[in-house]
Amino acid sequence: MNLIRVVIADDEELMRHALRIFVDSGERTTVVGEASTGHDAIVLCRELRPDVVLMDMQMPGLDGFQATSEISMICPEVKVLAVTTFSSQGYVAAALRAGAAGYLVKDTSPELLVRSIIDVHEGRAPLSPQIARSLILSVRHNEGPVPGGISPEEELTPREKSIVKLLAKGMSNAEIATALHLSEATVKANFGRLMTKWDVRDRVQVLIRAAKSGLVSL
């Protein structure tokens, strides 16, 4: 079994040390590098191509938002998990819009931290209903919907549209499967085809694209 390779980016040495202990304690996760600045995190991602980055959002100089946005562009295969002190919906939505695939607050348990790294790596990071709503509002406020912004090749099937609308309600794959009377594997396969069709990398980006295109409403 290949281990999930993790880079930790945090300006506090004590926090980096604690996170390393937690990550290395997981059977499927290992730390391959540490960065104390956003710039260093970008450099490490270029060099190491990790699977997941634990990104502190508040760092001096180049902050976590900017670093996440840069990493998402130059290393799109790398998943960023935002690690924040602040849990306000607007703050978390800003991290997700910057390119993070998920988020954690710093008082998260070690077990949930490792579980979240695995979930982000495997593309099933959950979005709560409140965060999904906040993310849609953030996209609408900053960019506004662009009706007709979907090309004929990007049009969704009726099933895909139903899945996206339930995603906008903050449902997990299992909850979507139950609501649509499908297997969870079928829902996951539909998400895979949808991401390929829209050329996006995760569920968060699916929701952002749907909000931009006016396909989901509150």
N, C-alpha and C. Protein backbone atom coordinates (compact mmCIF):
# COMPACT_ATOMS: atom_id res chain seq x y z
N MET A 1 0.84 -1.20 0.00
CA MET A 1 0.00 0.00 0.00
C MET A 1 0.88 1.25 0.00
N ASN A 2 0.65 2.14 -0.97
CA ASN A 2 1.41 3.38 -1.03
C ASN A 2 0.92 4.35 0.03
N LEU A 3 1.86 4.94 0.75
CA LEU A 3 1.51 5.92 1.77
C LEU A 3 1.13 7.25 1.12
N ILE A 4 0.21 7.97 1.76
CA ILE A 4 -0.17 9.30 1.32
C ILE A 4 0.89 10.27 1.81
N ARG A 5 1.56 10.95 0.88
CA ARG A 5 2.70 11.80 1.20
C ARG A 5 2.21 13.22 1.51
N VAL A 6 2.59 13.72 2.68
CA VAL A 6 2.04 14.98 3.19
C VAL A 6 3.15 16.01 3.41
N VAL A 7 2.88 17.25 3.01
CA VAL A 7 3.72 18.40 3.36
C VAL A 7 2.95 19.25 4.36
N ILE A 8 3.63 19.69 5.42
CA ILE A 8 3.02 20.56 6.43
C ILE A 8 3.54 21.98 6.24
N ALA A 9 2.62 22.94 6.13
CA ALA A 9 2.99 24.35 5.99
C ALA A 9 2.38 25.14 7.14
N ASP A 10 3.23 25.59 8.06
CA ASP A 10 2.77 26.36 9.22
C ASP A 10 3.95 27.16 9.74
N ASP A 11 3.72 28.42 10.12
CA ASP A 11 4.84 29.25 10.57
C ASP A 11 5.23 28.98 12.01
N GLU A 12 4.44 28.19 12.75
CA GLU A 12 4.76 27.87 14.13
C GLU A 12 5.44 26.50 14.22
N GLU A 13 6.67 26.48 14.73
CA GLU A 13 7.42 25.23 14.79
C GLU A 13 6.72 24.19 15.66
N LEU A 14 6.13 24.63 16.76
CA LEU A 14 5.44 23.71 17.66
C LEU A 14 4.27 23.04 16.95
N MET A 15 3.52 23.81 16.17
CA MET A 15 2.39 23.25 15.43
C MET A 15 2.86 22.27 14.36
N ARG A 16 3.94 22.61 13.66
CA ARG A 16 4.47 21.69 12.65
C ARG A 16 4.89 20.37 13.31
N HIS A 17 5.53 20.47 14.47
CA HIS A 17 6.00 19.28 15.17
C HIS A 17 4.80 18.41 15.58
N ALA A 18 3.77 19.04 16.12
CA ALA A 18 2.58 18.28 16.55
C ALA A 18 1.90 17.62 15.35
N LEU A 19 1.75 18.37 14.27
CA LEU A 19 1.10 17.82 13.08
C LEU A 19 1.90 16.64 12.51
N ARG A 20 3.23 16.77 12.54
CA ARG A 20 4.06 15.67 12.03
C ARG A 20 3.82 14.39 12.85
N ILE A 21 3.76 14.53 14.17
CA ILE A 21 3.51 13.37 15.03
C ILE A 21 2.16 12.73 14.68
N PHE A 22 1.14 13.58 14.53
CA PHE A 22 -0.20 13.07 14.22
C PHE A 22 -0.22 12.35 12.87
N VAL A 23 0.35 13.01 11.85
CA VAL A 23 0.31 12.44 10.50
C VAL A 23 1.12 11.14 10.44
N ASP A 24 2.30 11.14 11.03
CA ASP A 24 3.14 9.95 10.99
C ASP A 24 2.57 8.79 11.81
N SER A 25 1.63 9.10 12.69
CA SER A 25 1.00 8.03 13.48
C SER A 25 -0.03 7.26 12.66
N GLY A 26 -0.47 7.84 11.55
CA GLY A 26 -1.45 7.16 10.71
C GLY A 26 -0.83 6.03 9.91
N GLU A 27 -1.58 4.97 9.72
CA GLU A 27 -1.07 3.82 8.98
C GLU A 27 -0.90 4.12 7.50
N ARG A 28 -1.63 5.10 7.00
CA ARG A 28 -1.61 5.39 5.55
C ARG A 28 -0.99 6.74 5.21
N THR A 29 -0.48 7.47 6.21
CA THR A 29 0.02 8.82 5.97
C THR A 29 1.44 8.99 6.48
N THR A 30 2.22 9.82 5.78
CA THR A 30 3.59 10.11 6.19
C THR A 30 3.96 11.52 5.78
N VAL A 31 4.75 12.20 6.60
CA VAL A 31 5.21 13.56 6.29
C VAL A 31 6.50 13.48 5.47
N VAL A 32 6.53 14.20 4.35
CA VAL A 32 7.72 14.21 3.49
C VAL A 32 8.41 15.57 3.48
N GLY A 33 7.80 16.60 4.09
CA GLY A 33 8.44 17.91 4.12
C GLY A 33 7.68 18.89 4.98
N GLU A 34 8.39 19.93 5.42
CA GLU A 34 7.79 20.99 6.24
C GLU A 34 8.17 22.34 5.67
N ALA A 35 7.24 23.29 5.75
CA ALA A 35 7.49 24.65 5.29
C ALA A 35 6.98 25.63 6.34
N SER A 36 7.72 26.72 6.54
CA SER A 36 7.31 27.72 7.53
C SER A 36 6.70 28.96 6.88
N THR A 37 6.71 29.00 5.55
CA THR A 37 6.12 30.13 4.82
C THR A 37 5.35 29.60 3.62
N GLY A 38 4.46 30.45 3.10
CA GLY A 38 3.73 30.07 1.90
C GLY A 38 4.64 29.85 0.72
N HIS A 39 5.66 30.69 0.61
CA HIS A 39 6.62 30.55 -0.50
C HIS A 39 7.34 29.21 -0.42
N ASP A 40 7.78 28.84 0.77
CA ASP A 40 8.48 27.56 0.93
C ASP A 40 7.55 26.39 0.61
N ALA A 41 6.27 26.53 0.93
CA ALA A 41 5.31 25.46 0.62
C ALA A 41 5.21 25.25 -0.88
N ILE A 42 5.21 26.35 -1.63
CA ILE A 42 5.14 26.26 -3.10
C ILE A 42 6.39 25.56 -3.64
N VAL A 43 7.54 25.95 -3.11
CA VAL A 43 8.80 25.34 -3.56
C VAL A 43 8.80 23.84 -3.28
N LEU A 44 8.36 23.45 -2.08
CA LEU A 44 8.33 22.04 -1.73
C LEU A 44 7.37 21.26 -2.62
N CYS A 45 6.25 21.86 -2.95
CA CYS A 45 5.30 21.16 -3.82
C CYS A 45 5.89 20.94 -5.21
N ARG A 46 6.62 21.94 -5.70
CA ARG A 46 7.28 21.77 -7.00
C ARG A 46 8.31 20.64 -6.95
N GLU A 47 9.05 20.57 -5.85
CA GLU A 47 10.14 19.61 -5.75
C GLU A 47 9.66 18.20 -5.40
N LEU A 48 8.72 18.10 -4.45
CA LEU A 48 8.35 16.81 -3.90
C LEU A 48 7.08 16.21 -4.49
N ARG A 49 6.22 17.06 -5.06
CA ARG A 49 4.93 16.61 -5.60
C ARG A 49 4.20 15.73 -4.58
N PRO A 50 3.91 16.27 -3.39
CA PRO A 50 3.21 15.48 -2.37
C PRO A 50 1.77 15.20 -2.79
N ASP A 51 1.10 14.35 -2.05
CA ASP A 51 -0.31 14.08 -2.32
C ASP A 51 -1.21 15.14 -1.69
N VAL A 52 -0.83 15.55 -0.47
CA VAL A 52 -1.65 16.49 0.31
C VAL A 52 -0.76 17.50 1.01
N VAL A 53 -1.22 18.75 1.08
CA VAL A 53 -0.55 19.78 1.86
C VAL A 53 -1.49 20.22 2.99
N LEU A 54 -1.00 20.19 4.22
CA LEU A 54 -1.72 20.79 5.34
C LEU A 54 -1.30 22.25 5.40
N MET A 55 -2.20 23.14 5.02
CA MET A 55 -1.84 24.54 4.82
C MET A 55 -2.45 25.45 5.88
N ASP A 56 -1.59 26.06 6.69
CA ASP A 56 -2.04 27.10 7.61
C ASP A 56 -2.41 28.32 6.78
N MET A 57 -3.56 28.90 7.05
CA MET A 57 -4.02 30.04 6.25
C MET A 57 -3.38 31.35 6.69
N GLN A 58 -2.97 31.44 7.96
CA GLN A 58 -2.41 32.68 8.49
C GLN A 58 -0.91 32.55 8.66
N MET A 59 -0.16 33.01 7.67
CA MET A 59 1.31 33.01 7.75
C MET A 59 1.81 34.37 7.27
N PRO A 60 2.92 34.84 7.83
CA PRO A 60 3.46 36.13 7.40
C PRO A 60 3.96 36.06 5.96
N GLY A 61 3.98 37.21 5.31
CA GLY A 61 4.44 37.24 3.91
C GLY A 61 3.37 36.67 3.01
N LEU A 62 3.73 35.66 2.26
CA LEU A 62 2.77 34.99 1.38
C LEU A 62 1.89 34.09 2.24
N ASP A 63 0.60 34.45 2.38
CA ASP A 63 -0.24 33.69 3.30
C ASP A 63 -0.76 32.41 2.65
N GLY A 64 -1.53 31.65 3.45
CA GLY A 64 -2.02 30.37 2.98
C GLY A 64 -2.98 30.46 1.81
N PHE A 65 -3.77 31.53 1.76
CA PHE A 65 -4.70 31.71 0.64
C PHE A 65 -3.93 31.84 -0.67
N GLN A 66 -2.92 32.72 -0.67
CA GLN A 66 -2.13 32.93 -1.88
C GLN A 66 -1.35 31.68 -2.26
N ALA A 67 -0.76 31.03 -1.26
CA ALA A 67 0.01 29.81 -1.53
C ALA A 67 -0.88 28.71 -2.09
N THR A 68 -2.08 28.58 -1.53
CA THR A 68 -3.02 27.57 -2.02
C THR A 68 -3.40 27.83 -3.47
N SER A 69 -3.68 29.07 -3.79
CA SER A 69 -4.04 29.43 -5.16
C SER A 69 -2.90 29.11 -6.13
N GLU A 70 -1.66 29.42 -5.71
CA GLU A 70 -0.50 29.16 -6.57
C GLU A 70 -0.28 27.66 -6.75
N ILE A 71 -0.37 26.91 -5.67
CA ILE A 71 -0.18 25.46 -5.75
C ILE A 71 -1.25 24.82 -6.63
N SER A 72 -2.48 25.30 -6.53
CA SER A 72 -3.56 24.76 -7.34
C SER A 72 -3.30 24.95 -8.83
N MET A 73 -2.59 26.01 -9.18
CA MET A 73 -2.29 26.28 -10.59
C MET A 73 -1.09 25.49 -11.08
N ILE A 74 -0.02 25.44 -10.28
CA ILE A 74 1.21 24.82 -10.78
C ILE A 74 1.29 23.32 -10.47
N CYS A 75 0.54 22.87 -9.45
CA CYS A 75 0.54 21.44 -9.09
C CYS A 75 -0.91 21.00 -8.87
N PRO A 76 -1.72 20.96 -9.91
CA PRO A 76 -3.15 20.68 -9.72
C PRO A 76 -3.44 19.32 -9.13
N GLU A 77 -2.47 18.40 -9.20
CA GLU A 77 -2.69 17.07 -8.64
C GLU A 77 -2.53 17.04 -7.12
N VAL A 78 -1.94 18.11 -6.57
CA VAL A 78 -1.72 18.19 -5.12
C VAL A 78 -2.99 18.71 -4.45
N LYS A 79 -3.48 18.01 -3.44
CA LYS A 79 -4.68 18.44 -2.71
C LYS A 79 -4.26 19.25 -1.50
N VAL A 80 -4.88 20.40 -1.32
CA VAL A 80 -4.59 21.26 -0.17
C VAL A 80 -5.71 21.13 0.87
N LEU A 81 -5.32 20.85 2.10
CA LEU A 81 -6.25 20.80 3.22
C LEU A 81 -5.97 22.01 4.10
N ALA A 82 -6.88 22.97 4.10
CA ALA A 82 -6.69 24.18 4.89
C ALA A 82 -6.80 23.87 6.37
N VAL A 83 -5.83 24.34 7.15
CA VAL A 83 -5.85 24.17 8.60
C VAL A 83 -5.96 25.57 9.20
N THR A 84 -7.10 25.87 9.83
CA THR A 84 -7.37 27.23 10.24
C THR A 84 -7.61 27.33 11.74
N THR A 85 -7.35 28.53 12.26
CA THR A 85 -7.72 28.85 13.64
C THR A 85 -9.15 29.33 13.68
N PHE A 86 -9.59 29.95 12.58
CA PHE A 86 -10.92 30.55 12.50
C PHE A 86 -11.87 29.62 11.76
N SER A 87 -13.05 29.41 12.31
CA SER A 87 -14.00 28.48 11.70
C SER A 87 -15.22 29.19 11.11
N SER A 88 -15.16 30.52 10.96
CA SER A 88 -16.30 31.23 10.39
C SER A 88 -16.53 30.76 8.95
N GLN A 89 -17.80 30.72 8.55
CA GLN A 89 -18.14 30.20 7.23
C GLN A 89 -17.49 31.01 6.11
N GLY A 90 -17.48 32.34 6.27
CA GLY A 90 -16.88 33.17 5.23
C GLY A 90 -15.39 32.92 5.08
N TYR A 91 -14.73 32.70 6.19
CA TYR A 91 -13.28 32.44 6.19
C TYR A 91 -12.98 31.12 5.49
N VAL A 92 -13.76 30.10 5.84
CA VAL A 92 -13.56 28.78 5.24
C VAL A 92 -13.89 28.82 3.76
N ALA A 93 -14.96 29.51 3.39
CA ALA A 93 -15.34 29.62 1.97
C ALA A 93 -14.22 30.27 1.17
N ALA A 94 -13.54 31.27 1.76
CA ALA A 94 -12.43 31.93 1.06
C ALA A 94 -11.29 30.95 0.82
N ALA A 95 -11.03 30.08 1.79
CA ALA A 95 -9.99 29.06 1.62
C ALA A 95 -10.36 28.09 0.50
N LEU A 96 -11.62 27.67 0.46
CA LEU A 96 -12.07 26.74 -0.57
C LEU A 96 -12.03 27.38 -1.96
N ARG A 97 -12.41 28.65 -2.03
CA ARG A 97 -12.37 29.33 -3.32
C ARG A 97 -10.93 29.52 -3.80
N ALA A 98 -9.99 29.60 -2.87
CA ALA A 98 -8.58 29.73 -3.26
C ALA A 98 -8.04 28.43 -3.85
N GLY A 99 -8.76 27.32 -3.61
CA GLY A 99 -8.32 26.05 -4.18
C GLY A 99 -8.21 24.91 -3.21
N ALA A 100 -8.47 25.17 -1.91
CA ALA A 100 -8.40 24.09 -0.93
C ALA A 100 -9.50 23.07 -1.21
N ALA A 101 -9.19 21.80 -1.00
CA ALA A 101 -10.16 20.73 -1.23
C ALA A 101 -10.92 20.38 0.04
N GLY A 102 -10.49 20.94 1.18
CA GLY A 102 -11.14 20.70 2.45
C GLY A 102 -10.55 21.61 3.50
N TYR A 103 -11.08 21.54 4.71
CA TYR A 103 -10.61 22.43 5.77
C TYR A 103 -10.73 21.75 7.12
N LEU A 104 -9.88 22.18 8.04
CA LEU A 104 -9.92 21.72 9.42
C LEU A 104 -9.63 22.91 10.34
N VAL A 105 -10.20 22.89 11.53
CA VAL A 105 -9.79 23.87 12.54
C VAL A 105 -8.70 23.23 13.39
N LYS A 106 -7.89 24.06 14.02
CA LYS A 106 -6.68 23.56 14.68
C LYS A 106 -6.93 22.77 15.96
N ASP A 107 -8.16 22.74 16.45
CA ASP A 107 -8.43 21.91 17.63
C ASP A 107 -9.00 20.54 17.24
N THR A 108 -8.85 20.19 15.95
CA THR A 108 -9.31 18.88 15.47
C THR A 108 -8.51 17.76 16.13
N SER A 109 -9.16 16.64 16.38
CA SER A 109 -8.47 15.50 16.99
C SER A 109 -7.50 14.87 15.99
N PRO A 110 -6.44 14.22 16.49
CA PRO A 110 -5.49 13.55 15.59
C PRO A 110 -6.16 12.54 14.67
N GLU A 111 -7.16 11.82 15.19
CA GLU A 111 -7.85 10.81 14.39
C GLU A 111 -8.60 11.45 13.24
N LEU A 112 -9.29 12.56 13.50
CA LEU A 112 -10.03 13.24 12.44
C LEU A 112 -9.08 13.88 11.44
N LEU A 113 -7.95 14.36 11.90
CA LEU A 113 -6.94 14.93 11.00
C LEU A 113 -6.50 13.89 9.97
N VAL A 114 -6.13 12.72 10.45
CA VAL A 114 -5.67 11.66 9.54
C VAL A 114 -6.80 11.23 8.61
N ARG A 115 -8.01 11.09 9.14
CA ARG A 115 -9.17 10.71 8.33
C ARG A 115 -9.42 11.75 7.24
N SER A 116 -9.28 13.02 7.58
CA SER A 116 -9.52 14.09 6.62
C SER A 116 -8.47 14.10 5.51
N ILE A 117 -7.23 13.80 5.86
CA ILE A 117 -6.18 13.71 4.84
C ILE A 117 -6.52 12.61 3.84
N ILE A 118 -6.97 11.47 4.34
CA ILE A 118 -7.34 10.36 3.46
C ILE A 118 -8.54 10.74 2.60
N ASP A 119 -9.54 11.38 3.20
CA ASP A 119 -10.74 11.78 2.46
C ASP A 119 -10.40 12.76 1.34
N VAL A 120 -9.56 13.75 1.65
CA VAL A 120 -9.16 14.74 0.64
C VAL A 120 -8.38 14.05 -0.48
N HIS A 121 -7.47 13.17 -0.11
CA HIS A 121 -6.67 12.46 -1.11
C HIS A 121 -7.54 11.63 -2.04
N GLU A 122 -8.60 11.04 -1.49
CA GLU A 122 -9.46 10.16 -2.28
C GLU A 122 -10.67 10.89 -2.87
N GLY A 123 -10.69 12.22 -2.73
CA GLY A 123 -11.71 13.01 -3.41
C GLY A 123 -13.08 12.97 -2.80
N ARG A 124 -13.19 12.71 -1.51
CA ARG A 124 -14.52 12.66 -0.90
C ARG A 124 -14.62 13.55 0.34
N ALA A 125 -13.85 14.63 0.37
CA ALA A 125 -13.91 15.54 1.51
C ALA A 125 -15.32 16.10 1.65
N PRO A 126 -15.92 16.00 2.84
CA PRO A 126 -17.30 16.46 3.01
C PRO A 126 -17.40 17.98 3.12
N LEU A 127 -18.55 18.50 2.69
CA LEU A 127 -18.88 19.91 2.87
C LEU A 127 -20.18 19.97 3.67
N SER A 128 -20.17 20.66 4.79
CA SER A 128 -21.40 20.77 5.56
C SER A 128 -22.38 21.64 4.80
N PRO A 129 -23.70 21.52 5.08
CA PRO A 129 -24.69 22.38 4.42
C PRO A 129 -24.38 23.87 4.58
N GLN A 130 -23.90 24.26 5.79
CA GLN A 130 -23.61 25.67 6.03
C GLN A 130 -22.43 26.15 5.17
N ILE A 131 -21.40 25.31 5.04
CA ILE A 131 -20.25 25.70 4.24
C ILE A 131 -20.60 25.71 2.76
N ALA A 132 -21.40 24.73 2.31
CA ALA A 132 -21.82 24.71 0.91
C ALA A 132 -22.59 25.99 0.57
N ARG A 133 -23.49 26.39 1.46
CA ARG A 133 -24.27 27.62 1.25
C ARG A 133 -23.34 28.84 1.23
N SER A 134 -22.41 28.89 2.18
CA SER A 134 -21.48 30.02 2.25
C SER A 134 -20.62 30.09 0.99
N LEU A 135 -20.21 28.93 0.48
CA LEU A 135 -19.37 28.91 -0.72
C LEU A 135 -20.15 29.42 -1.92
N ILE A 136 -21.40 29.00 -2.06
CA ILE A 136 -22.23 29.48 -3.18
C ILE A 136 -22.43 30.99 -3.07
N LEU A 137 -22.74 31.48 -1.87
CA LEU A 137 -22.92 32.92 -1.67
C LEU A 137 -21.64 33.68 -2.01
N SER A 138 -20.49 33.13 -1.62
CA SER A 138 -19.21 33.78 -1.89
C SER A 138 -18.96 33.89 -3.39
N VAL A 139 -19.23 32.82 -4.11
CA VAL A 139 -19.04 32.84 -5.57
C VAL A 139 -19.99 33.84 -6.21
N ARG A 140 -21.25 33.81 -5.79
CA ARG A 140 -22.24 34.73 -6.36
C ARG A 140 -21.87 36.18 -6.09
N HIS A 141 -21.39 36.45 -4.86
CA HIS A 141 -21.06 37.82 -4.48
C HIS A 141 -19.84 38.33 -5.23
N ASN A 142 -18.82 37.48 -5.37
CA ASN A 142 -17.57 37.92 -5.97
C ASN A 142 -17.57 37.87 -7.50
N GLU A 143 -18.29 36.92 -8.08
CA GLU A 143 -18.24 36.77 -9.52
C GLU A 143 -19.60 36.82 -10.19
N GLY A 144 -20.63 36.42 -9.46
CA GLY A 144 -21.96 36.39 -10.03
C GLY A 144 -22.14 35.20 -10.96
N PRO A 145 -23.38 34.69 -11.07
CA PRO A 145 -23.62 33.57 -11.97
C PRO A 145 -23.47 33.99 -13.43
N VAL A 146 -23.05 33.08 -14.27
CA VAL A 146 -22.91 33.33 -15.70
C VAL A 146 -23.78 32.33 -16.44
N PRO A 147 -25.10 32.57 -16.53
CA PRO A 147 -25.98 31.62 -17.21
C PRO A 147 -25.51 31.38 -18.64
N GLY A 148 -25.59 30.15 -19.08
CA GLY A 148 -25.12 29.83 -20.43
C GLY A 148 -23.62 29.64 -20.49
N GLY A 149 -22.96 29.61 -19.32
CA GLY A 149 -21.51 29.47 -19.31
C GLY A 149 -21.03 28.05 -19.49
N ILE A 150 -21.96 27.14 -19.78
CA ILE A 150 -21.62 25.74 -20.00
C ILE A 150 -21.70 25.45 -21.50
N SER A 151 -20.63 24.96 -22.08
CA SER A 151 -20.62 24.62 -23.50
C SER A 151 -21.40 23.33 -23.73
N PRO A 152 -21.79 23.05 -24.99
CA PRO A 152 -22.54 21.80 -25.27
C PRO A 152 -21.80 20.55 -24.79
N GLU A 153 -20.46 20.55 -24.90
CA GLU A 153 -19.71 19.37 -24.47
C GLU A 153 -19.70 19.23 -22.94
N GLU A 154 -19.97 20.32 -22.24
CA GLU A 154 -19.93 20.32 -20.77
C GLU A 154 -21.31 20.15 -20.14
N GLU A 155 -22.35 20.04 -20.97
CA GLU A 155 -23.70 19.89 -20.44
C GLU A 155 -23.81 18.64 -19.59
N LEU A 156 -24.55 18.75 -18.50
CA LEU A 156 -24.71 17.62 -17.59
C LEU A 156 -25.92 16.78 -17.97
N THR A 157 -25.82 15.50 -17.67
CA THR A 157 -26.97 14.63 -17.82
C THR A 157 -27.96 14.92 -16.70
N PRO A 158 -29.22 14.50 -16.83
CA PRO A 158 -30.18 14.72 -15.74
C PRO A 158 -29.68 14.17 -14.40
N ARG A 159 -29.05 12.99 -14.44
CA ARG A 159 -28.54 12.41 -13.18
C ARG A 159 -27.43 13.27 -12.60
N GLU A 160 -26.51 13.74 -13.45
CA GLU A 160 -25.42 14.58 -12.96
C GLU A 160 -25.96 15.88 -12.37
N LYS A 161 -26.99 16.44 -12.98
CA LYS A 161 -27.60 17.67 -12.45
C LYS A 161 -28.19 17.41 -11.07
N SER A 162 -28.85 16.27 -10.91
CA SER A 162 -29.43 15.92 -9.62
C SER A 162 -28.35 15.78 -8.56
N ILE A 163 -27.24 15.16 -8.93
CA ILE A 163 -26.14 14.96 -8.00
C ILE A 163 -25.54 16.29 -7.57
N VAL A 164 -25.35 17.20 -8.53
CA VAL A 164 -24.77 18.52 -8.23
C VAL A 164 -25.70 19.32 -7.31
N LYS A 165 -27.00 19.24 -7.54
CA LYS A 165 -27.94 19.97 -6.70
C LYS A 165 -27.93 19.46 -5.26
N LEU A 166 -27.74 18.16 -5.09
CA LEU A 166 -27.65 17.60 -3.74
C LEU A 166 -26.31 17.92 -3.10
N LEU A 167 -25.26 17.98 -3.92
CA LEU A 167 -23.95 18.43 -3.41
C LEU A 167 -24.07 19.84 -2.85
N ALA A 168 -24.84 20.70 -3.52
CA ALA A 168 -25.02 22.08 -3.08
C ALA A 168 -25.76 22.16 -1.75
N LYS A 169 -26.40 21.07 -1.35
CA LYS A 169 -27.06 21.02 -0.05
C LYS A 169 -26.14 20.48 1.04
N GLY A 170 -24.88 20.19 0.64
CA GLY A 170 -23.91 19.72 1.61
C GLY A 170 -23.95 18.23 1.85
N MET A 171 -24.55 17.47 0.92
CA MET A 171 -24.67 16.03 1.11
C MET A 171 -23.37 15.30 0.75
N SER A 172 -23.08 14.24 1.47
CA SER A 172 -21.96 13.35 1.17
C SER A 172 -22.36 12.40 0.04
N ASN A 173 -21.38 11.66 -0.48
CA ASN A 173 -21.69 10.68 -1.52
C ASN A 173 -22.72 9.67 -1.03
N ALA A 174 -22.58 9.22 0.21
CA ALA A 174 -23.52 8.23 0.75
C ALA A 174 -24.93 8.81 0.84
N GLU A 175 -25.02 10.07 1.28
CA GLU A 175 -26.34 10.71 1.40
C GLU A 175 -26.97 10.93 0.03
N ILE A 176 -26.15 11.32 -0.95
CA ILE A 176 -26.66 11.51 -2.32
C ILE A 176 -27.16 10.18 -2.87
N ALA A 177 -26.40 9.11 -2.63
CA ALA A 177 -26.78 7.79 -3.11
C ALA A 177 -28.14 7.38 -2.54
N THR A 178 -28.33 7.62 -1.25
CA THR A 178 -29.60 7.28 -0.61
C THR A 178 -30.75 8.09 -1.20
N ALA A 179 -30.53 9.38 -1.38
CA ALA A 179 -31.58 10.27 -1.89
C ALA A 179 -32.00 9.91 -3.31
N LEU A 180 -31.05 9.46 -4.13
CA LEU A 180 -31.34 9.16 -5.54
C LEU A 180 -31.53 7.66 -5.79
N HIS A 181 -31.51 6.87 -4.72
CA HIS A 181 -31.67 5.41 -4.84
C HIS A 181 -30.61 4.81 -5.77
N LEU A 182 -29.38 5.23 -5.54
CA LEU A 182 -28.24 4.73 -6.30
C LEU A 182 -27.24 4.10 -5.34
N SER A 183 -26.27 3.38 -5.87
CA SER A 183 -25.18 2.90 -5.03
C SER A 183 -24.17 4.03 -4.86
N GLU A 184 -23.41 3.98 -3.76
CA GLU A 184 -22.39 5.00 -3.55
C GLU A 184 -21.33 4.95 -4.65
N ALA A 185 -21.03 3.75 -5.16
CA ALA A 185 -20.06 3.61 -6.24
C ALA A 185 -20.54 4.31 -7.51
N THR A 186 -21.86 4.25 -7.76
CA THR A 186 -22.42 4.93 -8.94
C THR A 186 -22.29 6.44 -8.80
N VAL A 187 -22.57 6.96 -7.61
CA VAL A 187 -22.42 8.39 -7.36
C VAL A 187 -20.97 8.82 -7.57
N LYS A 188 -20.04 8.04 -7.03
CA LYS A 188 -18.62 8.35 -7.17
C LYS A 188 -18.21 8.33 -8.64
N ALA A 189 -18.71 7.36 -9.40
CA ALA A 189 -18.38 7.28 -10.83
C ALA A 189 -18.93 8.48 -11.58
N ASN A 190 -20.14 8.92 -11.22
CA ASN A 190 -20.72 10.10 -11.85
C ASN A 190 -19.91 11.35 -11.55
N PHE A 191 -19.44 11.47 -10.31
CA PHE A 191 -18.58 12.61 -9.97
C PHE A 191 -17.30 12.58 -10.80
N GLY A 192 -16.73 11.38 -10.98
CA GLY A 192 -15.52 11.26 -11.78
C GLY A 192 -15.72 11.74 -13.21
N ARG A 193 -16.83 11.31 -13.82
CA ARG A 193 -17.12 11.74 -15.20
C ARG A 193 -17.39 13.24 -15.26
N LEU A 194 -18.08 13.75 -14.24
CA LEU A 194 -18.41 15.17 -14.18
C LEU A 194 -17.13 16.01 -14.06
N MET A 195 -16.22 15.59 -13.21
CA MET A 195 -14.96 16.33 -13.04
C MET A 195 -14.15 16.33 -14.33
N THR A 196 -14.15 15.22 -15.04
CA THR A 196 -13.45 15.15 -16.32
C THR A 196 -14.11 16.08 -17.34
N LYS A 197 -15.42 16.07 -17.37
CA LYS A 197 -16.18 16.88 -18.32
C LYS A 197 -15.93 18.38 -18.09
N TRP A 198 -15.86 18.76 -16.82
CA TRP A 198 -15.66 20.17 -16.47
C TRP A 198 -14.20 20.53 -16.24
N ASP A 199 -13.33 19.55 -16.30
CA ASP A 199 -11.90 19.76 -16.09
C ASP A 199 -11.63 20.42 -14.74
N VAL A 200 -12.24 19.84 -13.69
CA VAL A 200 -11.99 20.30 -12.31
C VAL A 200 -11.49 19.11 -11.50
N ARG A 201 -10.90 19.39 -10.34
CA ARG A 201 -10.16 18.34 -9.64
C ARG A 201 -10.87 17.74 -8.43
N ASP A 202 -11.94 18.38 -7.93
CA ASP A 202 -12.58 17.84 -6.73
C ASP A 202 -14.00 18.36 -6.59
N ARG A 203 -14.68 17.89 -5.54
CA ARG A 203 -16.08 18.25 -5.30
C ARG A 203 -16.26 19.74 -5.06
N VAL A 204 -15.30 20.35 -4.37
CA VAL A 204 -15.37 21.79 -4.12
C VAL A 204 -15.41 22.56 -5.43
N GLN A 205 -14.52 22.20 -6.36
CA GLN A 205 -14.46 22.90 -7.63
C GLN A 205 -15.70 22.64 -8.48
N VAL A 206 -16.30 21.46 -8.33
CA VAL A 206 -17.57 21.18 -9.00
C VAL A 206 -18.63 22.17 -8.52
N LEU A 207 -18.71 22.36 -7.20
CA LEU A 207 -19.72 23.26 -6.65
C LEU A 207 -19.46 24.70 -7.07
N ILE A 208 -18.20 25.11 -7.08
CA ILE A 208 -17.87 26.48 -7.51
C ILE A 208 -18.27 26.68 -8.97
N ARG A 209 -17.95 25.72 -9.83
CA ARG A 209 -18.31 25.83 -11.25
C ARG A 209 -19.83 25.86 -11.43
N ALA A 210 -20.54 25.03 -10.67
CA ALA A 210 -22.00 25.02 -10.76
C ALA A 210 -22.59 26.34 -10.30
N ALA A 211 -22.02 26.94 -9.25
CA ALA A 211 -22.51 28.23 -8.77
C ALA A 211 -22.24 29.33 -9.79
N LYS A 212 -21.05 29.30 -10.40
CA LYS A 212 -20.73 30.29 -11.43
C LYS A 212 -21.68 30.20 -12.61
N SER A 213 -22.08 28.98 -12.96
CA SER A 213 -22.90 28.76 -14.14
C SER A 213 -24.39 28.90 -13.86
N GLY A 214 -24.75 29.18 -12.61
CA GLY A 214 -26.15 29.34 -12.26
C GLY A 214 -26.92 28.04 -12.20
N LEU A 215 -26.22 26.90 -12.07
CA LEU A 215 -26.88 25.61 -12.06
C LEU A 215 -27.42 25.24 -10.68
N VAL A 216 -26.92 25.90 -9.64
CA VAL A 216 -27.42 25.64 -8.29
C VAL A 216 -27.87 26.95 -7.66
N SER A 217 -28.88 26.85 -6.83
CA SER A 217 -29.39 28.03 -6.13
C SER A 217 -29.54 27.70 -4.66
N LEU A 218 -29.76 28.72 -3.86
CA LEU A 218 -29.88 28.54 -2.41
C LEU A 218 -31.32 28.24 -2.04
